[in-house]
Amino acid sequence: MKKIIIIIITLLLGIILMTYLYFSKLGSENNAKDLALQCATNNAALVISFQNDKGFYEIIKAQNLIQQVLGEEKTGLLSKLKDVVINDNGLNSYIKDQRIYISILPDSNKTLNFLLTVQIKPEEDLNKLNKLIKSKKYISLVKKDLYHIKLNDSVSAYANVKDRVITLSTSLKLINDAAIRLTENPFTDYIKENNGTTKSALAQIYVNFNQAPLLLKNVLAENINGNISFLNKQNSFASLNYNFSKERILFNGNTTLKNENDYLKLFEKSIAQSTTIQNILPENTASYTLYAINDYSSWHKDFIAQQTKLNGVKKIESIINNVKNEYRTDLNSIFPVYTKNEFTIFQLKTAEKLAAIQLSNGEKVKQLLFDVSTDYNDEIKIFKSSNVLYSYYGEPFKNFSRPYYCIIDNYLIVANYASTLQSFLNSYKSNKLLIQNAEYLDAMNQISSTSNVTFYVGLKNSNSILRDNLLSKYYQHFRADSGLKSFDTFCYQMVADKDKFITNTLLNKYIQQTIPDSLSIR
């Protein structure tokens, strides 16, 4: 009996030991994989991820649109790296079928640069790899774990090989920064959470909006302001899957907001809407942000609840009470009652900014606002009090403190200058609208017909705005034939899906269809 007990105890201990060793090995392998991801995500706003296999490179080679976005210099660099590493069967065997991360990071001298990160296969011998590296004439040892790679007469790169992770860049600064191991990085955790849903995709791009200001600081001539000022405090992440196409660059995925007090959180629970307010925008619209909800009354309750958390309700109540006391007008009987479910902020190619709100009864609102308005002319009025619209629609309207406005066809249109509003009216009445633009229609046909939040940029109409806001080298790339010149539309569309947004990201190039001579009418 004692023998049986001893045998059982020995077997149990053996099983426990084997289980421990197995999961320890599995855990260390996973930790090693995490190290590669940790290096890739340090300070990164954008991380591109793909599988290192022959099929990927063959498919991506046919996608010349990617090369246009990256530019000749960066495309040439990646091509040369592929030649000396991926096309070298000996070197590539150590990282074959592994996931490669390309981080786009701010570098010194107002530049952006690449950091490539990859995990060495767990079964490969590091000593053999080091010997192989040292045998390459174009690779030299700088110091322990750090190598210099001569790509051609004018371009060099550095590679760090440590803890079974390879980091590679033309910038030593980026390699040194990647070596700093953060004890906690929400971006790393986010990518790990979303890896399982993206394995079938050709490539993924992960966006850390927290780091966007640091990235944009090296791109913009001035500080982040205007339509993109929300990026200064945008605690959110996006996971987007690349959809191969020779005509356009399209990513689909999701955006997750981490800050409960984020303004966009107010749209997260809404039902996606088929929007129409964009149809009134003039043909010279450079960009717009469109917001859509299923019910303004419910949305407004959530807005007030959020403002309560942010200690902004007293300010709103003060504005509404002052109007009521001074002009005998109850704003609560106007905007909550007659607002429909769409509003938008838009900018013209002249950089002038306007906003539009969809109403259920424009004529009634016009009458109710009579006492709180002053006439500029028969069509254009101006609010007597400040921050009226901010009190009902929030953050997007904070720059329209005391705007001029007009109401036409159940839309309230506002601008900070009467001349801007008059320009809008002229375009609207003469039917010179964005919706008439073939490039715009083509782009909108590529994405969902329903949404909750949409950021749109018409690249041609934004030319002078970008010229004033981008650093010279990035504007040159934007205007270059080999760069972004042929693209006409950028769109970031968000569709509410419980605790996140389904997201479509589009960079479009309209290709006009031509009728063959044999089919043309003679």
Foldseek 3Di string as FASTA:
>chain_A
DVVVVVVVVVVVVVVVVVVVVVVVVVVLVVVLVLLLLLLQPQLFQKKKKAWLEPVLVVQVVLQLQVCQACDDVVVVVVVLVCVVAVVPVVNVVQQHRWMKMWTWHQDPPLDIWIKIKTAGDPVDDVVVNVVVQCVDPQWDDPDPQKIKGDSDPPAIKMWGQPSRMIIITSDPVSVVSSPDGDPDDVQSVVCVVCVVVAPPFRMKMKGQLCSVQNNCVSWWPDHDDDPRVLSPDFGKMWIWGWDDDNFWTKTWGWIFGPDCLRPCVLLQPFAWDQDDPQFLAFQQWFKKKKFFGQALLVSQVVVCVSCVVVVNNVVLVVQQVVCCVPQVARCVVACNVFFGTMKMWTAGLVRFIKIKTATNDQVVNVVRCVRQWADPDPFKIKGNFFPNVCSRSNDVCNVVTIWIWGTDPRMIMTGNDPVVVVVSVVRSVVVRHNVVDPLVVVQCVVDDSTAGIKIKGFLVSNLVVCVNITDPVVNCSCCDPSHVNQWTMWMWTFHHDNRITTIMTITGGDDDDDDDPVPDDD
